[in-house]
Structure formats: C-alpha cells, structure tokens
C-alpha cells in the first residue's frame, strides 16, 4: 500500500505517522521541506521537495490525500495537482471544507476520470494513538480503493469510518458533527460555569466532573477532557475568554436556515463564540446607553 500526503500540519503529520506505523508506504510533501525531512527521519516516509516528485514515487492509480486548510490553500494545491494526475487516480480532501465546494470539485474532476473523495476527519491531536473518525463521500469504486488506508487510520479496521454517500456527503456529515460538538461544549461550559458561580457551596468541579464520568448520562470524551484539565486548574485565571470558530459551525447554521429546520442549540452556541471574540461589545454598550436613556441608570465606566 502506498499513498501521497500533502500537508503536514498537526493533523496531517500525525496521520502520516499512523499510516507509516501501519505499514503503508507514505510519500509526503509540505510547503516547508524542513518539516517533511524531519518527519521522514522520524518515520521513514519518503520526503518529497515538490508535488511532481511525490507523484513520481507512487504507482498508478495513485491515492493523494490533502490535509490543508480549507479555502485558498486547498484550492491552490488542487490547481497545481490536477493537471499532473491521470485517469483512475484518487484525490482525497481531508480538510474541513464546505460540502458544496466538494460537490463542485467532484463534478469538475469526474469528466477527467479522476476520482474525488471528501473525507471529514475527527480525532484531533489524539488521533495518532486512538485513531481517527472518518466520514467519507465519493463513488463506491474510489472509496473501495481508499478502504485499506481508512482501516489503518481508523480506531479499528471495522470501526470509526463510514462511506456516507456520494461526493460531498463526507464533509456534510462532518459539518453537522462539528455543529453538535459546538452545542455540547457550550452546554458543559454553561453548566460548569453555573456551579462555579454558586460560591456558598464551594463546589469542587474537578471532583464533580470526575464523578460524572462514571455512570452519568452526560459522560463523554468532552467530559473526560474537562475533568482532566479541571483536576490541575479550576480557576483558569490565565486563560483568555476567547473561543475561535473554524467555520464548520457557521456552515451548520446556514444549512439549518436553508432547510428551514430549527437548530437553536447549535446556532446559539456559534453566537456565543462570536460574543467571546468581542463581537458583542458594541451591542452591549448600546444596551447600556438605552437603559440609561429610559431609566436614568448608571453606565459603568462613564465619568460621574
């Protein structure tokens, strides 16, 4: 088995490591050759200085897996890669891409005889040891060619990966997965914040979350992670209250609107991330001034 990996960031590098550990011949390319060479020294994979070099290391039909940021980076890589490919080759986009973009790419490559597979990948920094959850969209023939690699990357050969449907379905399922993730994280954060605010009870959040991990209906990996960091620090005084959003939550909210389906939990969780980024500051100032206007209430920070 042999595969080409393009993009060796945190996820891409660890996926290349897991594939190499699983006996797969990996040829890799990264914008910084130094990163590729270092990983090659560690794992034995083939470091390639250019994309043509990478393609030359693989027998046809080739499998090329991209682990690049969604958007321009993936678009530019595909524009460079596609003219060098041949009929029967399989291109996998493992980024958090918008599913409609993946559908367009699949349709554009189909007349060329090049298979396009969109793969939603979950597992984060723990995927190297625990395996990755893989949500795959594409033609049956393409996914069958990809299956041996999915079995190595997944937690087990028969668990943690799924051919979801046609091109676009993998990234669609991953998008909804991340929307659910937003909602779960927000619920834990609100509940734990409520307990932290009940000062008279002096609640031990580390002990509570650890207890919840055993037998509770809210037990989950997110709870496991929360229990672990609360064990070391319950005050989080050095942590800035800023939560980024990767784009998946926005796409999920757009999809709910497009379908006319209520998805308040996921949508409000996204709004709370915007608020944490300071995007609610001006609105809050307006509210303070309106309250002053009709009720004469004091405005915090205003000179008396």
Protein backbone atom coordinates (compact mmCIF):
# COMPACT_ATOMS: atom_id res chain seq x y z
CA UNK A 1 0.00 0.00 0.00
CA UNK A 2 1.27 3.48 -0.85
CA UNK A 3 -0.18 6.95 -0.52
CA UNK A 4 0.85 10.56 -1.08
CA UNK A 5 0.23 13.05 1.72
CA UNK A 6 0.17 16.78 1.01
CA UNK A 7 0.11 18.99 4.10
CA UNK A 8 1.94 18.07 7.31
CA UNK A 9 0.35 20.28 9.93
CA UNK A 10 -0.72 18.81 13.27
CA UNK A 11 -3.38 16.55 11.75
CA UNK A 12 -1.58 15.73 8.51
CA UNK A 13 1.71 14.86 10.20
CA UNK A 14 0.05 12.57 12.73
CA UNK A 15 -1.98 10.85 10.02
CA UNK A 16 1.23 10.25 8.08
CA UNK A 17 2.77 8.81 11.25
CA UNK A 18 -0.17 6.46 11.81
CA UNK A 19 -0.11 5.30 8.20
CA UNK A 20 3.64 4.66 8.36
CA UNK A 21 3.24 2.74 11.61
CA UNK A 22 0.56 0.67 9.88
CA UNK A 23 2.97 -0.46 7.19
CA UNK A 24 1.87 1.97 4.48
CA UNK A 25 4.49 3.47 2.17
CA UNK A 26 4.00 7.23 2.53
CA UNK A 27 5.38 9.87 0.19
CA UNK A 28 4.89 13.33 1.68
CA UNK A 29 5.07 16.95 0.59
CA UNK A 30 4.80 20.08 2.71
CA UNK A 31 5.32 23.72 1.81
CA UNK A 32 8.30 23.70 4.18
CA UNK A 33 10.67 20.91 3.12
CA UNK A 34 12.36 21.09 6.52
CA UNK A 35 9.15 19.83 8.13
CA UNK A 36 8.92 16.98 5.62
CA UNK A 37 12.56 15.97 6.08
CA UNK A 38 12.24 15.94 9.85
CA UNK A 39 9.16 13.72 9.71
CA UNK A 40 10.90 11.44 7.20
CA UNK A 41 13.82 11.00 9.58
CA UNK A 42 11.37 10.09 12.36
CA UNK A 43 9.08 7.73 10.45
CA UNK A 44 10.91 6.53 7.36
CA UNK A 45 8.43 8.09 4.95
CA UNK A 46 9.69 9.48 1.64
CA UNK A 47 10.28 13.25 1.79
CA UNK A 48 9.42 15.00 -1.48
CA UNK A 49 10.53 18.51 -2.37
CA UNK A 50 7.80 19.06 -4.99
CA UNK A 51 4.39 17.66 -5.89
CA UNK A 52 5.75 16.14 -9.14
CA UNK A 53 8.40 14.37 -7.03
CA UNK A 54 5.64 12.98 -4.81
CA UNK A 55 3.64 11.69 -7.77
CA UNK A 56 6.74 10.06 -9.18
CA UNK A 57 7.11 7.99 -6.02
CA UNK A 58 3.71 6.32 -6.43
CA UNK A 59 2.45 3.63 -8.78
CA UNK A 60 -0.74 4.28 -10.72
CA UNK A 61 -3.56 4.52 -9.87
CA UNK A 62 -2.35 6.87 -7.15
CA UNK A 63 -4.01 7.99 -3.92
CA UNK A 64 -3.23 11.58 -2.94
CA UNK A 65 -4.55 12.79 0.41
CA UNK A 66 -4.64 16.55 1.08
CA UNK A 67 -4.62 17.78 4.69
CA UNK A 68 -4.56 21.52 4.09
CA UNK A 69 -6.61 24.42 5.45
CA UNK A 70 -9.94 24.78 3.67
CA UNK A 71 -10.19 27.61 1.18
CA UNK A 72 -7.32 29.08 -0.81
CA UNK A 73 -4.65 26.62 0.36
CA UNK A 74 -6.67 23.61 -0.79
CA UNK A 75 -7.81 25.35 -3.98
CA UNK A 76 -4.25 26.25 -4.98
CA UNK A 77 -2.94 22.78 -4.21
CA UNK A 78 -5.64 21.20 -6.38
CA UNK A 79 -4.96 23.62 -9.24
CA UNK A 80 -1.31 22.55 -9.14
CA UNK A 81 -2.02 18.87 -8.64
CA UNK A 82 -4.87 18.03 -11.02
CA UNK A 83 -3.04 18.69 -14.33
CA UNK A 84 -0.39 16.18 -13.22
CA UNK A 85 -2.85 13.37 -12.47
CA UNK A 86 -4.05 10.52 -14.66
CA UNK A 87 -7.34 8.69 -15.10
CA UNK A 88 -8.07 6.41 -12.16
CA UNK A 89 -6.13 8.47 -9.62
CA UNK A 90 -7.92 9.27 -6.35
CA UNK A 91 -7.71 12.69 -4.69
CA UNK A 92 -8.89 12.93 -1.07
CA UNK A 93 -9.63 16.27 0.58
CA UNK A 94 -9.40 15.78 4.34
CA UNK A 95 -9.82 19.45 5.23
CA UNK A 96 -12.83 20.95 6.98
CA UNK A 97 -14.17 22.04 3.60
CA UNK A 98 -17.69 23.24 2.80
CA UNK A 99 -19.57 20.29 1.35
CA UNK A 100 -20.93 22.26 -1.63
CA UNK A 101 -17.35 23.12 -2.65
CA UNK A 102 -16.53 19.41 -2.51
CA UNK A 103 -19.51 18.59 -4.72
CA UNK A 104 -18.29 21.12 -7.31
CA UNK A 105 -14.77 19.69 -7.22
CA UNK A 106 -16.02 16.16 -7.64
CA UNK A 107 -18.13 17.19 -10.62
CA UNK A 108 -15.19 19.02 -12.21
CA UNK A 109 -12.84 16.03 -11.90
CA UNK A 110 -15.31 13.35 -12.98
CA UNK A 111 -15.01 14.06 -16.76
CA UNK A 112 -11.22 13.73 -16.41
CA UNK A 113 -11.59 10.24 -14.95
CA UNK A 114 -10.08 11.41 -11.66
CA UNK A 115 -11.89 10.33 -8.50
CA UNK A 116 -12.54 12.93 -5.82
CA UNK A 117 -13.28 11.83 -2.25
CA UNK A 118 -14.20 14.22 0.56
CA UNK A 119 -13.19 12.98 4.00
CA UNK A 120 -14.36 14.55 7.23
CA UNK A 121 -11.69 13.77 9.81
CA UNK A 122 -12.20 13.94 13.58
CA UNK A 123 -9.83 12.95 16.33
CA UNK A 124 -7.60 15.96 16.88
CA UNK A 125 -4.22 15.51 18.50
CA UNK A 126 -5.34 12.17 19.97
CA UNK A 127 -5.95 10.57 16.61
CA UNK A 128 -2.38 9.30 16.27
CA UNK A 129 -2.79 6.92 19.19
CA UNK A 130 -6.56 6.39 19.26
CA UNK A 131 -7.36 6.52 15.56
CA UNK A 132 -9.48 8.95 13.56
CA UNK A 133 -13.22 9.07 12.91
CA UNK A 134 -13.51 9.24 9.12
CA UNK A 135 -16.65 10.38 7.29
CA UNK A 136 -16.13 9.71 3.59
CA UNK A 137 -18.04 10.79 0.49
CA UNK A 138 -17.38 9.58 -3.04
CA UNK A 139 -18.02 6.98 -5.71
CA UNK A 140 -18.10 3.39 -4.49
CA UNK A 141 -15.12 2.46 -6.69
CA UNK A 142 -12.99 5.30 -5.29
CA UNK A 143 -13.82 4.54 -1.68
CA UNK A 144 -13.10 0.84 -2.24
CA UNK A 145 -9.62 1.83 -3.46
CA UNK A 146 -9.23 4.01 -0.37
CA UNK A 147 -10.54 1.45 2.12
CA UNK A 148 -7.19 -0.12 3.13
CA UNK A 149 -5.92 3.30 4.21
CA UNK A 150 -9.13 4.11 6.08
CA UNK A 151 -8.76 0.88 8.05
CA UNK A 152 -5.27 1.92 9.18
CA UNK A 153 -6.30 5.46 10.10
CA UNK A 154 -9.50 4.49 11.95
CA UNK A 155 -9.59 3.27 15.57
CA UNK A 156 -10.15 -0.28 14.24
CA UNK A 157 -10.47 -1.75 10.74
CA UNK A 158 -14.21 -2.27 11.22
CA UNK A 159 -14.98 0.78 13.39
CA UNK A 160 -14.73 4.54 13.17
CA UNK A 161 -15.02 5.01 9.41
CA UNK A 162 -18.00 5.15 7.09
CA UNK A 163 -18.72 5.62 3.39
CA UNK A 164 -21.51 8.12 3.93
CA UNK A 165 -22.64 8.54 0.32
CA UNK A 166 -21.75 10.47 -2.85
CA UNK A 167 -19.20 13.27 -3.14
CA UNK A 168 -19.99 15.99 -0.60
CA UNK A 169 -21.65 13.71 1.94
CA UNK A 170 -18.47 13.17 3.95
CA UNK A 171 -17.90 16.87 4.53
CA UNK A 172 -21.63 17.37 5.12
CA UNK A 173 -21.68 14.77 7.91
CA UNK A 174 -18.51 16.27 9.41
CA UNK A 175 -20.10 19.74 9.30
CA UNK A 176 -23.12 18.54 11.28
CA UNK A 177 -20.78 16.63 13.63
CA UNK A 178 -18.99 19.88 14.43
CA UNK A 179 -22.27 21.73 14.93
CA UNK A 180 -23.27 19.13 17.52
CA UNK A 181 -19.82 19.50 19.08
CA UNK A 182 -20.39 23.25 19.45
CA UNK A 183 -23.66 22.62 21.27
CA UNK A 184 -22.22 20.00 23.61
CA UNK A 185 -19.25 22.18 24.51
CA UNK A 186 -21.50 25.17 25.19
CA UNK A 187 -23.80 23.12 27.45
CA UNK A 188 -20.86 21.83 29.51
CA UNK A 189 -19.39 25.33 29.75
CA UNK A 190 -22.68 26.87 30.90
CA UNK A 191 -23.39 24.17 33.48
CA UNK A 192 -19.90 24.18 34.94
CA UNK A 193 -19.93 27.99 34.95
CA UNK A 194 -23.20 27.94 36.90
CA UNK A 195 -21.70 25.65 39.53
CA UNK A 196 -18.56 27.78 39.72
CA UNK A 197 -20.77 30.79 40.44
CA UNK A 198 -22.54 29.13 43.39
CA UNK A 199 -19.91 30.40 45.83
CA UNK A 200 -21.70 29.38 49.02
CA UNK A 201 -21.48 25.70 48.08
CA UNK A 202 -17.75 25.86 47.29
CA UNK A 203 -18.20 23.10 44.72
CA UNK A 204 -15.23 21.03 43.56
CA UNK A 205 -15.66 20.98 39.78
CA UNK A 206 -12.84 18.50 39.32
CA UNK A 207 -14.49 16.01 41.67
CA UNK A 208 -17.92 16.56 40.09
CA UNK A 209 -16.76 16.07 36.52
CA UNK A 210 -14.75 13.01 37.52
CA UNK A 211 -17.81 11.55 39.22
CA UNK A 212 -19.98 12.29 36.18
CA UNK A 213 -17.60 10.26 34.01
CA UNK A 214 -18.85 7.06 35.69
CA UNK A 215 -22.46 6.10 35.08
CA UNK A 216 -23.82 9.55 34.20
CA UNK A 217 -25.83 10.07 31.02
CA UNK A 218 -23.60 13.07 30.17
CA UNK A 219 -20.38 11.03 30.18
CA UNK A 220 -18.37 11.69 27.03
CA UNK A 221 -14.88 12.39 25.73
CA UNK A 222 -15.51 16.12 26.18
CA UNK A 223 -16.30 15.43 29.83
CA UNK A 224 -13.13 13.32 30.13
CA UNK A 225 -11.05 16.21 28.81
CA UNK A 226 -12.81 18.70 31.09
CA UNK A 227 -12.24 16.55 34.16
CA UNK A 228 -8.55 16.27 33.30
CA UNK A 229 -7.82 20.00 32.98
CA UNK A 230 -10.03 20.91 35.96
CA UNK A 231 -8.02 18.49 38.05
CA UNK A 232 -5.00 20.73 37.51
CA UNK A 233 -6.63 24.16 37.44
CA UNK A 234 -10.22 25.11 38.34
CA UNK A 235 -9.70 28.89 38.27
CA UNK A 236 -8.39 29.15 34.67
CA UNK A 237 -7.18 32.63 35.60
CA UNK A 238 -4.53 32.69 32.88
CA UNK A 239 -6.96 31.70 30.11
CA UNK A 240 -8.38 34.47 27.93
CA UNK A 241 -12.17 34.08 27.42
CA UNK A 242 -11.84 33.93 23.63
CA UNK A 243 -13.20 30.98 21.65
CA UNK A 244 -12.41 30.76 17.95
CA UNK A 245 -14.78 29.28 15.38
CA UNK A 246 -13.35 27.28 12.47
CA UNK A 247 -16.22 27.83 10.04
CA UNK A 248 -17.98 24.49 10.46
CA UNK A 249 -20.44 25.97 12.97
CA UNK A 250 -21.35 28.75 10.56
CA UNK A 251 -21.96 26.30 7.73
CA UNK A 252 -24.19 24.23 10.00
CA UNK A 253 -26.26 27.29 10.88
CA UNK A 254 -26.54 28.23 7.19
CA UNK A 255 -27.70 24.71 6.36
CA UNK A 256 -30.40 24.82 9.04
CA UNK A 257 -31.69 28.09 7.58
CA UNK A 258 -31.53 26.72 4.04
CA UNK A 259 -33.55 23.66 5.04
CA UNK A 260 -35.90 25.70 7.22
CA UNK A 261 -35.15 23.45 10.17
CA UNK A 262 -34.85 24.69 13.77
CA UNK A 263 -31.35 24.21 15.17
CA UNK A 264 -31.30 26.68 18.09
CA UNK A 265 -28.72 24.93 20.26
CA UNK A 266 -26.05 24.71 17.57
CA UNK A 267 -26.80 28.22 16.27
CA UNK A 268 -26.74 29.84 19.71
CA UNK A 269 -23.50 28.03 20.57
CA UNK A 270 -21.98 29.66 17.50
CA UNK A 271 -23.34 33.07 18.58
CA UNK A 272 -21.69 32.63 21.98
CA UNK A 273 -18.36 32.09 20.26
CA UNK A 274 -18.85 35.36 18.40
CA UNK A 275 -19.62 37.06 21.73
CA UNK A 276 -16.40 35.68 23.26
CA UNK A 277 -14.44 37.24 20.39
CA UNK A 278 -15.55 40.73 21.40
CA UNK A 279 -18.22 40.94 18.70
CA UNK A 280 -20.90 41.68 21.30
CA UNK A 281 -19.06 44.62 22.86
CA UNK A 282 -20.65 47.43 20.85
CA UNK A 283 -24.11 45.91 21.17
CA UNK A 284 -23.66 45.74 24.95
CA UNK A 285 -22.63 49.40 25.02
CA UNK A 286 -25.77 50.32 23.09
CA UNK A 287 -27.91 48.36 25.55
CA UNK A 288 -26.29 50.19 28.47
CA UNK A 289 -26.98 53.57 26.88
CA UNK A 290 -30.61 52.68 26.04
CA UNK A 291 -31.15 51.60 29.65
CA UNK A 292 -29.69 54.90 30.81
CA UNK A 293 -31.90 56.79 28.39
CA UNK A 294 -35.23 55.44 29.57
CA UNK A 295 -34.44 54.80 33.21
CA UNK A 296 -31.57 57.04 34.13
CA UNK A 297 -29.50 54.03 35.11
CA UNK A 298 -25.78 54.48 35.63
CA UNK A 299 -23.41 53.36 32.89
CA UNK A 300 -20.32 51.51 34.06
CA UNK A 301 -17.12 53.28 33.07
CA UNK A 302 -18.82 56.61 32.42
CA UNK A 303 -17.43 59.55 34.30
CA UNK A 304 -19.73 60.75 37.03
